[in-house]
Amino acid sequence: MEVFYILRDKIPLRVWRKKDEDEIICQNMYRFISQNITMTEEIRFADLYLYSKKIDAVIVGSDQVWRYKYVANIEEYFLKSFVSGDLKRIAYAASFGVDKWEFPLRQTRRCAKLAHTFQAISVRESNGVEFCKQYMGVKAVHLLDPTMLLKQSAYISLVEKDKVPESKGNLLVYILDQSKDKEKILDFMKSRMDLIPFTVMPAKRFENVGSKQLDQCVYPSVTTWLRGFMDAKYVVTDSFHGTVFSIIFNKPFIAIGNKQRGLMRFVSLLKTFGLEERLIYSSDQLTEELLKSPINFEEINRIHDSERFRAMNFLHKVLD
């Protein structure tokens, strides 16, 4: 399978980083991609029409590709530039990311027209199904984030192939947006659990220190990140995918709701697995009872297997 790499014209979260800085900060991620994913050269939106007659199908998703305030050229993520009439257009676990409709009327009409050219649409949050019906007049189904289509063993094999050393702790702290309240949550956990905190984040944030300490801003490898979940006995995170991989690796966790990055992702995911009580919004909600309450991972894995089957059946059916 060949993967097309589409270069965005604008990436809001990285406008403050130069390309050479980005290459240093993300060097481990780029290495992982080069070793594990077959890709084309970079392709800009303006050139997509040249490729649309050379392929049989195109899938858009997942993540917040349909979140209006995050994505420049939103119509391109409804596959505007793929002009071939015979091309299968599919959305897999595309995410709007929010609980209220953000699209202005003009963009709603344009994207709705494009959505009607899709052979099948799936979304990552349950409210996305209603968004598609109400604002675009199309049918959609709610399916798992694609990271959950792989079994735990597939991720472990990647770690073993890279021979990643054991993590230096067993309480994984994966926090994307620091705050004093989140420090309170972590302090509460450390005072009541005999665990050693560790993280899988850079030593420093580029937005805090700039290019002068660039070597301290390098993200760890994907497999080091995965190893963190393998070794953890407990996870605290404000990350959607941190929550996802806690479930995949059967680790007890506390998820801190992150409204800026898309809260509906957390709500919908945890509702699917009956884990809504693991989501908190402030330190006031964290109790020792919640912290130490067990998770029935046998039931979680049963749900995961069932949802994985639904998702794979969706893809096989539309691509067959």
C-alpha atoms as a PDB file:
ATOM      1  CA  MET A   1       0.000   0.000   0.000  1.00  0.00           C
ATOM      2  CA  GLU A   2       1.307   3.434  -0.911  1.00  0.00           C
ATOM      3  CA  VAL A   3       0.546   6.416   1.314  1.00  0.00           C
ATOM      4  CA  PHE A   4       0.263   9.895  -0.163  1.00  0.00           C
ATOM      5  CA  TYR A   5       1.830  12.597   1.983  1.00  0.00           C
ATOM      6  CA  ILE A   6      -0.119  15.833   1.611  1.00  0.00           C
ATOM      7  CA  LEU A   7       1.740  18.932   2.770  1.00  0.00           C
ATOM      8  CA  ARG A   8      -0.585  21.400   4.472  1.00  0.00           C
ATOM      9  CA  ASP A   9      -0.355  25.019   3.415  1.00  0.00           C
ATOM     10  CA  LYS A  10      -0.722  26.068   7.045  1.00  0.00           C
ATOM     11  CA  ILE A  11      -0.356  24.172  10.295  1.00  0.00           C
ATOM     12  CA  PRO A  12      -1.546  26.436  13.144  1.00  0.00           C
ATOM     13  CA  LEU A  13       0.247  24.511  15.899  1.00  0.00           C
ATOM     14  CA  ARG A  14       3.635  24.907  14.211  1.00  0.00           C
ATOM     15  CA  VAL A  15       3.664  28.403  12.792  1.00  0.00           C
ATOM     16  CA  TRP A  16       6.289  29.380  15.370  1.00  0.00           C
ATOM     17  CA  ARG A  17       8.810  26.745  14.205  1.00  0.00           C
ATOM     18  CA  LYS A  18      11.072  26.943  11.180  1.00  0.00           C
ATOM     19  CA  LYS A  19      11.397  23.918   8.931  1.00  0.00           C
ATOM     20  CA  ASP A  20      14.962  23.139  10.034  1.00  0.00           C
ATOM     21  CA  GLU A  21      13.930  23.471  13.688  1.00  0.00           C
ATOM     22  CA  ASP A  22      11.012  21.152  13.093  1.00  0.00           C
ATOM     23  CA  GLU A  23      13.304  18.583  11.477  1.00  0.00           C
ATOM     24  CA  ILE A  24      15.485  18.534  14.606  1.00  0.00           C
ATOM     25  CA  ILE A  25      12.607  18.458  17.084  1.00  0.00           C
ATOM     26  CA  CYS A  26      10.782  15.695  15.200  1.00  0.00           C
ATOM     27  CA  GLN A  27      13.837  13.751  13.992  1.00  0.00           C
ATOM     28  CA  ASN A  28      12.848  10.563  15.835  1.00  0.00           C
ATOM     29  CA  MET A  29       9.334  10.662  14.420  1.00  0.00           C
ATOM     30  CA  TYR A  30      10.646  11.130  10.881  1.00  0.00           C
ATOM     31  CA  ARG A  31      12.983   8.176  11.366  1.00  0.00           C
ATOM     32  CA  PHE A  32      10.060   6.004  12.442  1.00  0.00           C
ATOM     33  CA  ILE A  33       8.036   7.070   9.400  1.00  0.00           C
ATOM     34  CA  SER A  34      10.887   6.372   6.977  1.00  0.00           C
ATOM     35  CA  GLN A  35      11.421   2.896   8.423  1.00  0.00           C
ATOM     36  CA  ASN A  36       7.797   1.802   8.746  1.00  0.00           C
ATOM     37  CA  ILE A  37       5.613   3.636   6.213  1.00  0.00           C
ATOM     38  CA  THR A  38       5.923   3.635   2.423  1.00  0.00           C
ATOM     39  CA  MET A  39       5.244   7.155   1.189  1.00  0.00           C
ATOM     40  CA  THR A  40       5.278   9.239  -1.953  1.00  0.00           C
ATOM     41  CA  GLU A  41       7.049  12.548  -2.273  1.00  0.00           C
ATOM     42  CA  GLU A  42       5.378  15.558  -0.685  1.00  0.00           C
ATOM     43  CA  ILE A  43       2.237  16.567  -2.581  1.00  0.00           C
ATOM     44  CA  ARG A  44       0.554  19.949  -2.294  1.00  0.00           C
ATOM     45  CA  PHE A  45      -3.194  20.385  -2.550  1.00  0.00           C
ATOM     46  CA  ALA A  46      -2.808  22.220  -5.846  1.00  0.00           C
ATOM     47  CA  ASP A  47      -1.253  19.117  -7.421  1.00  0.00           C
ATOM     48  CA  LEU A  48      -3.712  16.510  -6.189  1.00  0.00           C
ATOM     49  CA  TYR A  49      -5.726  16.534  -9.390  1.00  0.00           C
ATOM     50  CA  LEU A  50      -2.684  15.061 -11.164  1.00  0.00           C
ATOM     51  CA  TYR A  51      -2.861  11.985  -8.931  1.00  0.00           C
ATOM     52  CA  SER A  52      -6.607  11.516  -8.625  1.00  0.00           C
ATOM     53  CA  LYS A  53      -6.843   9.508 -11.852  1.00  0.00           C
ATOM     54  CA  LYS A  54      -3.965   7.219 -10.850  1.00  0.00           C
ATOM     55  CA  ILE A  55      -5.540   5.786  -7.701  1.00  0.00           C
ATOM     56  CA  ASP A  56      -8.678   3.806  -6.912  1.00  0.00           C
ATOM     57  CA  ALA A  57      -9.616   5.222  -3.537  1.00  0.00           C
ATOM     58  CA  VAL A  58      -8.738   7.994  -1.127  1.00  0.00           C
ATOM     59  CA  ILE A  59      -9.399   7.987   2.623  1.00  0.00           C
ATOM     60  CA  VAL A  60      -9.480  11.147   4.698  1.00  0.00           C
ATOM     61  CA  GLY A  61      -8.980  10.932   8.451  1.00  0.00           C
ATOM     62  CA  SER A  62      -8.633  10.543  11.225  1.00  0.00           C
ATOM     63  CA  ASP A  63      -7.883  13.104  13.921  1.00  0.00           C
ATOM     64  CA  GLN A  64      -9.515  16.551  13.766  1.00  0.00           C
ATOM     65  CA  VAL A  65      -9.329  16.926   9.991  1.00  0.00           C
ATOM     66  CA  TRP A  66     -12.868  18.332   9.934  1.00  0.00           C
ATOM     67  CA  ARG A  67     -12.407  20.810  12.779  1.00  0.00           C
ATOM     68  CA  TYR A  68     -13.019  24.142  11.095  1.00  0.00           C
ATOM     69  CA  LYS A  69     -10.974  26.311  13.468  1.00  0.00           C
ATOM     70  CA  TYR A  70      -7.962  23.977  13.265  1.00  0.00           C
ATOM     71  CA  VAL A  71      -7.726  23.372   9.527  1.00  0.00           C
ATOM     72  CA  ALA A  72      -6.887  25.830   6.768  1.00  0.00           C
ATOM     73  CA  ASN A  73      -8.501  25.008   3.392  1.00  0.00           C
ATOM     74  CA  ILE A  74     -11.175  22.865   5.062  1.00  0.00           C
ATOM     75  CA  GLU A  75     -12.716  21.956   1.697  1.00  0.00           C
ATOM     76  CA  GLU A  76      -9.534  20.113   0.763  1.00  0.00           C
ATOM     77  CA  TYR A  77     -10.202  17.755   3.662  1.00  0.00           C
ATOM     78  CA  PHE A  78     -13.525  16.998   2.026  1.00  0.00           C
ATOM     79  CA  LEU A  79     -11.402  15.948  -0.985  1.00  0.00           C
ATOM     80  CA  LYS A  80     -12.164  18.937  -3.206  1.00  0.00           C
ATOM     81  CA  SER A  81      -9.057  18.492  -5.390  1.00  0.00           C
ATOM     82  CA  PHE A  82      -9.601  14.808  -6.175  1.00  0.00           C
ATOM     83  CA  VAL A  83     -11.410  15.318  -9.467  1.00  0.00           C
ATOM     84  CA  SER A  84     -11.803  11.789 -10.870  1.00  0.00           C
ATOM     85  CA  GLY A  85     -15.445  10.735 -10.944  1.00  0.00           C
ATOM     86  CA  ASP A  86     -14.558   7.049 -10.549  1.00  0.00           C
ATOM     87  CA  LEU A  87     -12.482   7.564  -7.419  1.00  0.00           C
ATOM     88  CA  LYS A  88     -13.853   6.123  -4.198  1.00  0.00           C
ATOM     89  CA  ARG A  89     -13.998   8.785  -1.500  1.00  0.00           C
ATOM     90  CA  ILE A  90     -14.061   7.537   2.078  1.00  0.00           C
ATOM     91  CA  ALA A  91     -13.846   9.221   5.476  1.00  0.00           C
ATOM     92  CA  TYR A  92     -12.474   7.057   8.256  1.00  0.00           C
ATOM     93  CA  ALA A  93     -12.949   8.330  11.834  1.00  0.00           C
ATOM     94  CA  ALA A  94     -12.827  11.954  10.711  1.00  0.00           C
ATOM     95  CA  SER A  95     -13.274  14.263  13.684  1.00  0.00           C
ATOM     96  CA  PHE A  96     -15.028  17.610  14.146  1.00  0.00           C
ATOM     97  CA  GLY A  97     -13.547  17.659  17.659  1.00  0.00           C
ATOM     98  CA  VAL A  98     -16.191  19.873  19.275  1.00  0.00           C
ATOM     99  CA  ASP A  99     -19.744  19.679  20.592  1.00  0.00           C
ATOM    100  CA  LYS A 100     -21.023  22.761  18.690  1.00  0.00           C
ATOM    101  CA  TRP A 101     -21.041  23.337  14.942  1.00  0.00           C
ATOM    102  CA  GLU A 102     -18.215  25.735  13.964  1.00  0.00           C
ATOM    103  CA  PHE A 103     -18.622  25.988  10.175  1.00  0.00           C
ATOM    104  CA  PRO A 104     -20.017  29.264   8.792  1.00  0.00           C
ATOM    105  CA  LEU A 105     -22.967  28.910   6.434  1.00  0.00           C
ATOM    106  CA  ARG A 106     -20.907  29.285   3.249  1.00  0.00           C
ATOM    107  CA  GLN A 107     -18.455  26.559   4.241  1.00  0.00           C
ATOM    108  CA  THR A 108     -21.269  24.338   5.493  1.00  0.00           C
ATOM    109  CA  ARG A 109     -22.908  24.417   2.068  1.00  0.00           C
ATOM    110  CA  ARG A 110     -19.670  23.801   0.178  1.00  0.00           C
ATOM    111  CA  CYS A 111     -18.520  20.966   2.418  1.00  0.00           C
ATOM    112  CA  ALA A 112     -21.987  19.399   2.423  1.00  0.00           C
ATOM    113  CA  LYS A 113     -21.902  19.279  -1.374  1.00  0.00           C
ATOM    114  CA  LEU A 114     -18.509  17.585  -1.254  1.00  0.00           C
ATOM    115  CA  ALA A 115     -19.646  15.167   1.459  1.00  0.00           C
ATOM    116  CA  HIS A 116     -22.347  13.883  -0.900  1.00  0.00           C
ATOM    117  CA  THR A 117     -19.606  12.608  -3.242  1.00  0.00           C
ATOM    118  CA  PHE A 118     -18.326  10.187  -0.577  1.00  0.00           C
ATOM    119  CA  GLN A 119     -19.098   6.488  -0.857  1.00  0.00           C
ATOM    120  CA  ALA A 120     -18.912   6.071   2.928  1.00  0.00           C
ATOM    121  CA  ILE A 121     -18.335   8.303   5.949  1.00  0.00           C
ATOM    122  CA  SER A 122     -17.307   7.330   9.457  1.00  0.00           C
ATOM    123  CA  VAL A 123     -16.546   9.728  12.284  1.00  0.00           C
ATOM    124  CA  ARG A 124     -14.611   9.431  15.521  1.00  0.00           C
ATOM    125  CA  GLU A 125     -17.176  10.925  17.909  1.00  0.00           C
ATOM    126  CA  SER A 126     -20.819  10.017  18.343  1.00  0.00           C
ATOM    127  CA  ASN A 127     -21.972  13.636  17.932  1.00  0.00           C
ATOM    128  CA  GLY A 128     -20.208  13.697  14.537  1.00  0.00           C
ATOM    129  CA  VAL A 129     -22.913  11.345  13.268  1.00  0.00           C
ATOM    130  CA  GLU A 130     -25.545  13.960  14.105  1.00  0.00           C
ATOM    131  CA  PHE A 131     -23.411  16.774  12.620  1.00  0.00           C
ATOM    132  CA  CYS A 132     -23.215  14.912   9.309  1.00  0.00           C
ATOM    133  CA  LYS A 133     -26.965  14.308   9.278  1.00  0.00           C
ATOM    134  CA  GLN A 134     -28.093  17.751  10.416  1.00  0.00           C
ATOM    135  CA  TYR A 135     -25.646  20.047   8.635  1.00  0.00           C
ATOM    136  CA  MET A 136     -24.528  18.035   5.617  1.00  0.00           C
ATOM    137  CA  GLY A 137     -27.431  15.738   4.926  1.00  0.00           C
ATOM    138  CA  VAL A 138     -25.287  12.588   4.798  1.00  0.00           C
ATOM    139  CA  LYS A 139     -25.224   9.355   6.770  1.00  0.00           C
ATOM    140  CA  ALA A 140     -22.228   8.552   8.954  1.00  0.00           C
ATOM    141  CA  VAL A 141     -21.259   5.859  11.433  1.00  0.00           C
ATOM    142  CA  HIS A 142     -19.240   6.196  14.632  1.00  0.00           C
ATOM    143  CA  LEU A 143     -16.059   4.081  14.606  1.00  0.00           C
ATOM    144  CA  LEU A 144     -12.837   3.695  16.576  1.00  0.00           C
ATOM    145  CA  ASP A 145      -9.776   5.870  16.180  1.00  0.00           C
ATOM    146  CA  PRO A 146      -7.508   3.968  13.724  1.00  0.00           C
ATOM    147  CA  THR A 147      -4.783   3.487  16.341  1.00  0.00           C
ATOM    148  CA  MET A 148      -7.211   1.070  18.002  1.00  0.00           C
ATOM    149  CA  LEU A 149      -7.461  -1.135  14.909  1.00  0.00           C
ATOM    150  CA  LEU A 150      -4.085  -2.636  15.755  1.00  0.00           C
ATOM    151  CA  LYS A 151      -3.827  -5.055  18.636  1.00  0.00           C
ATOM    152  CA  GLN A 152      -1.510  -4.491  21.570  1.00  0.00           C
ATOM    153  CA  SER A 153       0.864  -7.154  20.230  1.00  0.00           C
ATOM    154  CA  ALA A 154       1.505  -5.124  17.057  1.00  0.00           C
ATOM    155  CA  TYR A 155       2.747  -2.170  19.085  1.00  0.00           C
ATOM    156  CA  ILE A 156       4.865  -4.380  21.324  1.00  0.00           C
ATOM    157  CA  SER A 157       6.544  -5.891  18.256  1.00  0.00           C
ATOM    158  CA  LEU A 158       7.587  -2.388  17.116  1.00  0.00           C
ATOM    159  CA  VAL A 159       9.152  -1.702  20.512  1.00  0.00           C
ATOM    160  CA  GLU A 160      10.971  -5.035  20.491  1.00  0.00           C
ATOM    161  CA  LYS A 161      12.260  -4.443  16.976  1.00  0.00           C
ATOM    162  CA  ASP A 162      13.809  -1.154  18.113  1.00  0.00           C
ATOM    163  CA  LYS A 163      15.190  -2.768  21.292  1.00  0.00           C
ATOM    164  CA  VAL A 164      13.943   0.150  23.387  1.00  0.00           C
ATOM    165  CA  PRO A 165      15.270   0.046  26.966  1.00  0.00           C
ATOM    166  CA  GLU A 166      12.932  -0.143  29.937  1.00  0.00           C
ATOM    167  CA  SER A 167      11.359   3.111  31.133  1.00  0.00           C
ATOM    168  CA  LYS A 168      12.747   4.805  34.260  1.00  0.00           C
ATOM    169  CA  GLY A 169       9.530   4.755  36.221  1.00  0.00           C
ATOM    170  CA  ASN A 170       6.062   3.223  36.426  1.00  0.00           C
ATOM    171  CA  LEU A 171       3.668   6.196  36.742  1.00  0.00           C
ATOM    172  CA  LEU A 172       3.439   7.584  33.227  1.00  0.00           C
ATOM    173  CA  VAL A 173       2.760  11.320  33.230  1.00  0.00           C
ATOM    174  CA  TYR A 174       1.749  12.309  29.701  1.00  0.00           C
ATOM    175  CA  ILE A 175       0.598  15.919  29.968  1.00  0.00           C
ATOM    176  CA  LEU A 176       0.460  18.105  26.856  1.00  0.00           C
ATOM    177  CA  ASP A 177      -0.662  21.358  28.463  1.00  0.00           C
ATOM    178  CA  GLN A 178       0.842  22.100  31.858  1.00  0.00           C
ATOM    179  CA  SER A 179      -1.084  23.969  34.554  1.00  0.00           C
ATOM    180  CA  LYS A 180      -0.972  24.436  38.321  1.00  0.00           C
ATOM    181  CA  ASP A 181      -4.172  22.417  38.700  1.00  0.00           C
ATOM    182  CA  LYS A 182      -2.638  19.486  36.837  1.00  0.00           C
ATOM    183  CA  GLU A 183       0.363  19.719  39.151  1.00  0.00           C
ATOM    184  CA  LYS A 184      -2.090  19.346  42.049  1.00  0.00           C
ATOM    185  CA  ILE A 185      -3.513  16.227  40.431  1.00  0.00           C
ATOM    186  CA  LEU A 186      -0.055  14.733  40.047  1.00  0.00           C
ATOM    187  CA  ASP A 187       0.906  15.652  43.627  1.00  0.00           C
ATOM    188  CA  PHE A 188      -2.268  13.969  44.884  1.00  0.00           C
ATOM    189  CA  MET A 189      -1.443  10.801  42.958  1.00  0.00           C
ATOM    190  CA  LYS A 190       2.193  10.716  44.109  1.00  0.00           C
ATOM    191  CA  SER A 191       1.143  11.094  47.743  1.00  0.00           C
ATOM    192  CA  ARG A 192      -1.214   8.127  47.579  1.00  0.00           C
ATOM    193  CA  MET A 193       0.581   5.715  45.250  1.00  0.00           C
ATOM    194  CA  ASP A 194       3.922   4.029  45.697  1.00  0.00           C
ATOM    195  CA  LEU A 195       4.962   4.702  42.104  1.00  0.00           C
ATOM    196  CA  ILE A 196       7.826   6.486  40.329  1.00  0.00           C
ATOM    197  CA  PRO A 197       6.691   9.216  37.890  1.00  0.00           C
ATOM    198  CA  PHE A 198       8.242   9.454  34.431  1.00  0.00           C
ATOM    199  CA  THR A 199       7.296  11.041  31.129  1.00  0.00           C
ATOM    200  CA  VAL A 200       7.668  10.501  27.387  1.00  0.00           C
ATOM    201  CA  MET A 201       7.911  14.181  26.501  1.00  0.00           C
ATOM    202  CA  PRO A 202      10.906  16.379  25.589  1.00  0.00           C
ATOM    203  CA  ALA A 203      12.924  17.795  28.479  1.00  0.00           C
ATOM    204  CA  LYS A 204      11.817  21.315  27.493  1.00  0.00           C
ATOM    205  CA  ARG A 205       9.176  22.934  25.298  1.00  0.00           C
ATOM    206  CA  PHE A 206      10.311  24.865  22.243  1.00  0.00           C
ATOM    207  CA  GLU A 207       7.691  27.545  22.836  1.00  0.00           C
ATOM    208  CA  ASN A 208       9.271  28.181  26.250  1.00  0.00           C
ATOM    209  CA  VAL A 209      12.995  28.137  25.407  1.00  0.00           C
ATOM    210  CA  GLY A 210      13.244  28.724  21.635  1.00  0.00           C
ATOM    211  CA  SER A 211      16.075  27.659  19.347  1.00  0.00           C
ATOM    212  CA  LYS A 212      18.843  28.285  21.922  1.00  0.00           C
ATOM    213  CA  GLN A 213      18.032  24.973  23.653  1.00  0.00           C
ATOM    214  CA  LEU A 214      16.796  23.073  20.621  1.00  0.00           C
ATOM    215  CA  ASP A 215      18.575  19.869  21.645  1.00  0.00           C
ATOM    216  CA  GLN A 216      16.404  19.784  24.789  1.00  0.00           C
ATOM    217  CA  CYS A 217      13.207  19.975  22.722  1.00  0.00           C
ATOM    218  CA  VAL A 218      13.608  16.764  20.715  1.00  0.00           C
ATOM    219  CA  TYR A 219      10.640  14.423  20.989  1.00  0.00           C
ATOM    220  CA  PRO A 220      11.418  10.815  21.896  1.00  0.00           C
ATOM    221  CA  SER A 221      10.960   8.089  19.318  1.00  0.00           C
ATOM    222  CA  VAL A 222       7.526   6.599  18.671  1.00  0.00           C
ATOM    223  CA  THR A 223       8.703   3.298  20.120  1.00  0.00           C
ATOM    224  CA  THR A 224      10.041   5.001  23.271  1.00  0.00           C
ATOM    225  CA  TRP A 225       6.602   6.590  23.606  1.00  0.00           C
ATOM    226  CA  LEU A 226       4.962   3.178  23.230  1.00  0.00           C
ATOM    227  CA  ARG A 227       7.383   1.651  25.725  1.00  0.00           C
ATOM    228  CA  GLY A 228       6.152   4.175  28.266  1.00  0.00           C
ATOM    229  CA  PHE A 229       2.660   2.659  28.146  1.00  0.00           C
ATOM    230  CA  MET A 230       4.059  -0.869  28.233  1.00  0.00           C
ATOM    231  CA  ASP A 231       5.990  -0.175  31.448  1.00  0.00           C
ATOM    232  CA  ALA A 232       3.413   1.966  33.224  1.00  0.00           C
ATOM    233  CA  LYS A 233       1.445   0.627  36.151  1.00  0.00           C
ATOM    234  CA  TYR A 234      -0.719   3.760  36.021  1.00  0.00           C
ATOM    235  CA  VAL A 235      -1.198   6.659  33.574  1.00  0.00           C
ATOM    236  CA  VAL A 236      -2.290  10.253  34.074  1.00  0.00           C
ATOM    237  CA  THR A 237      -2.852  12.195  30.861  1.00  0.00           C
ATOM    238  CA  ASP A 238      -4.658  15.124  29.258  1.00  0.00           C
ATOM    239  CA  SER A 239      -4.093  13.606  25.815  1.00  0.00           C
ATOM    240  CA  PHE A 240      -6.740  11.839  23.757  1.00  0.00           C
ATOM    241  CA  HIS A 241      -4.215   9.364  22.404  1.00  0.00           C
ATOM    242  CA  GLY A 242      -2.695   9.005  25.837  1.00  0.00           C
ATOM    243  CA  THR A 243      -6.135   7.802  26.914  1.00  0.00           C
ATOM    244  CA  VAL A 244      -6.412   5.552  23.854  1.00  0.00           C
ATOM    245  CA  PHE A 245      -3.116   3.793  24.521  1.00  0.00           C
ATOM    246  CA  SER A 246      -3.905   3.392  28.213  1.00  0.00           C
ATOM    247  CA  ILE A 247      -6.915   1.375  27.058  1.00  0.00           C
ATOM    248  CA  ILE A 248      -4.941  -0.547  24.436  1.00  0.00           C
ATOM    249  CA  PHE A 249      -2.268  -1.525  26.984  1.00  0.00           C
ATOM    250  CA  ASN A 250      -4.821  -2.195  29.747  1.00  0.00           C
ATOM    251  CA  LYS A 251      -3.395   0.378  32.135  1.00  0.00           C
ATOM    252  CA  PRO A 252      -5.476   2.053  34.859  1.00  0.00           C
ATOM    253  CA  PHE A 253      -5.608   5.773  34.138  1.00  0.00           C
ATOM    254  CA  ILE A 254      -6.952   9.203  34.944  1.00  0.00           C
ATOM    255  CA  ALA A 255      -7.862  11.332  31.911  1.00  0.00           C
ATOM    256  CA  ILE A 256      -7.939  15.090  32.360  1.00  0.00           C
ATOM    257  CA  GLY A 257     -10.385  16.776  29.989  1.00  0.00           C
ATOM    258  CA  ASN A 258      -8.629  19.065  27.528  1.00  0.00           C
ATOM    259  CA  LYS A 259     -11.196  21.469  26.071  1.00  0.00           C
ATOM    260  CA  GLN A 260      -8.712  23.359  23.898  1.00  0.00           C
ATOM    261  CA  ARG A 261      -7.653  20.225  22.052  1.00  0.00           C
ATOM    262  CA  GLY A 262     -11.125  18.764  21.569  1.00  0.00           C
ATOM    263  CA  LEU A 263     -13.121  17.467  24.517  1.00  0.00           C
ATOM    264  CA  MET A 264     -15.705  15.447  22.578  1.00  0.00           C
ATOM    265  CA  ARG A 265     -12.970  13.004  21.595  1.00  0.00           C
ATOM    266  CA  PHE A 266     -12.501  12.067  25.265  1.00  0.00           C
ATOM    267  CA  VAL A 267     -16.211  11.916  26.048  1.00  0.00           C
ATOM    268  CA  SER A 268     -17.105   9.736  23.067  1.00  0.00           C
ATOM    269  CA  LEU A 269     -14.157   7.360  23.516  1.00  0.00           C
ATOM    270  CA  LEU A 270     -14.778   6.784  27.208  1.00  0.00           C
ATOM    271  CA  LYS A 271     -18.516   6.346  26.688  1.00  0.00           C
ATOM    272  CA  THR A 272     -17.830   3.623  24.128  1.00  0.00           C
ATOM    273  CA  PHE A 273     -15.904   1.655  26.748  1.00  0.00           C
ATOM    274  CA  GLY A 274     -18.072   2.550  29.748  1.00  0.00           C
ATOM    275  CA  LEU A 275     -15.222   4.466  31.357  1.00  0.00           C
ATOM    276  CA  GLU A 276     -16.798   7.902  31.737  1.00  0.00           C
ATOM    277  CA  GLU A 277     -15.864   8.081  35.431  1.00  0.00           C
ATOM    278  CA  ARG A 278     -12.142   8.113  34.526  1.00  0.00           C
ATOM    279  CA  LEU A 279     -12.533  11.604  33.013  1.00  0.00           C
ATOM    280  CA  ILE A 280     -12.040  14.584  35.322  1.00  0.00           C
ATOM    281  CA  TYR A 281     -11.816  18.319  34.661  1.00  0.00           C
ATOM    282  CA  SER A 282     -10.086  19.594  37.804  1.00  0.00           C
ATOM    283  CA  SER A 283      -8.159  18.443  40.851  1.00  0.00           C
ATOM    284  CA  ASP A 284     -11.330  18.843  42.958  1.00  0.00           C
ATOM    285  CA  GLN A 285     -12.842  15.815  41.226  1.00  0.00           C
ATOM    286  CA  LEU A 286      -9.984  13.425  41.946  1.00  0.00           C
ATOM    287  CA  THR A 287     -10.583  11.247  44.982  1.00  0.00           C
ATOM    288  CA  GLU A 288      -8.638   8.336  46.424  1.00  0.00           C
ATOM    289  CA  GLU A 289     -11.629   6.110  45.722  1.00  0.00           C
ATOM    290  CA  LEU A 290     -11.566   6.998  42.013  1.00  0.00           C
ATOM    291  CA  LEU A 291      -7.794   6.721  41.863  1.00  0.00           C
ATOM    292  CA  LYS A 292      -7.807   3.178  43.206  1.00  0.00           C
ATOM    293  CA  SER A 293     -11.037   1.933  41.639  1.00  0.00           C
ATOM    294  CA  PRO A 294     -10.325  -1.092  39.409  1.00  0.00           C
ATOM    295  CA  ILE A 295     -11.052  -1.249  35.693  1.00  0.00           C
ATOM    296  CA  ASN A 296     -12.571  -4.432  34.289  1.00  0.00           C
ATOM    297  CA  PHE A 297     -10.165  -4.857  31.380  1.00  0.00           C
ATOM    298  CA  GLU A 298     -11.674  -8.202  30.438  1.00  0.00           C
ATOM    299  CA  GLU A 299     -14.881  -6.353  29.560  1.00  0.00           C
ATOM    300  CA  ILE A 300     -12.914  -3.478  28.000  1.00  0.00           C
ATOM    301  CA  ASN A 301     -11.089  -5.907  25.704  1.00  0.00           C
ATOM    302  CA  ARG A 302     -14.376  -7.576  24.720  1.00  0.00           C
ATOM    303  CA  ILE A 303     -15.788  -4.197  23.685  1.00  0.00           C
ATOM    304  CA  HIS A 304     -12.539  -3.356  21.901  1.00  0.00           C
ATOM    305  CA  ASP A 305     -12.650  -6.583  19.875  1.00  0.00           C
ATOM    306  CA  SER A 306     -16.266  -5.960  18.914  1.00  0.00           C
ATOM    307  CA  GLU A 307     -15.626  -2.349  17.874  1.00  0.00           C
ATOM    308  CA  ARG A 308     -12.490  -3.323  15.976  1.00  0.00           C
ATOM    309  CA  PHE A 309     -14.518  -5.900  14.028  1.00  0.00           C
ATOM    310  CA  ARG A 310     -17.121  -3.232  13.130  1.00  0.00           C
ATOM    311  CA  ALA A 311     -14.438  -0.850  11.935  1.00  0.00           C
ATOM    312  CA  MET A 312     -12.567  -3.416   9.849  1.00  0.00           C
ATOM    313  CA  ASN A 313     -15.834  -4.616   8.331  1.00  0.00           C
ATOM    314  CA  PHE A 314     -16.624  -1.007   7.334  1.00  0.00           C
ATOM    315  CA  LEU A 315     -13.263  -0.656   5.556  1.00  0.00           C
ATOM    316  CA  HIS A 316     -13.392  -4.062   3.871  1.00  0.00           C
ATOM    317  CA  LYS A 317     -16.935  -3.460   2.641  1.00  0.00           C
ATOM    318  CA  VAL A 318     -16.295  -0.034   1.142  1.00  0.00           C
ATOM    319  CA  LEU A 319     -12.914  -0.930  -0.378  1.00  0.00           C
ATOM    320  CA  ASP A 320     -13.866  -4.377  -1.738  1.00  0.00           C
END
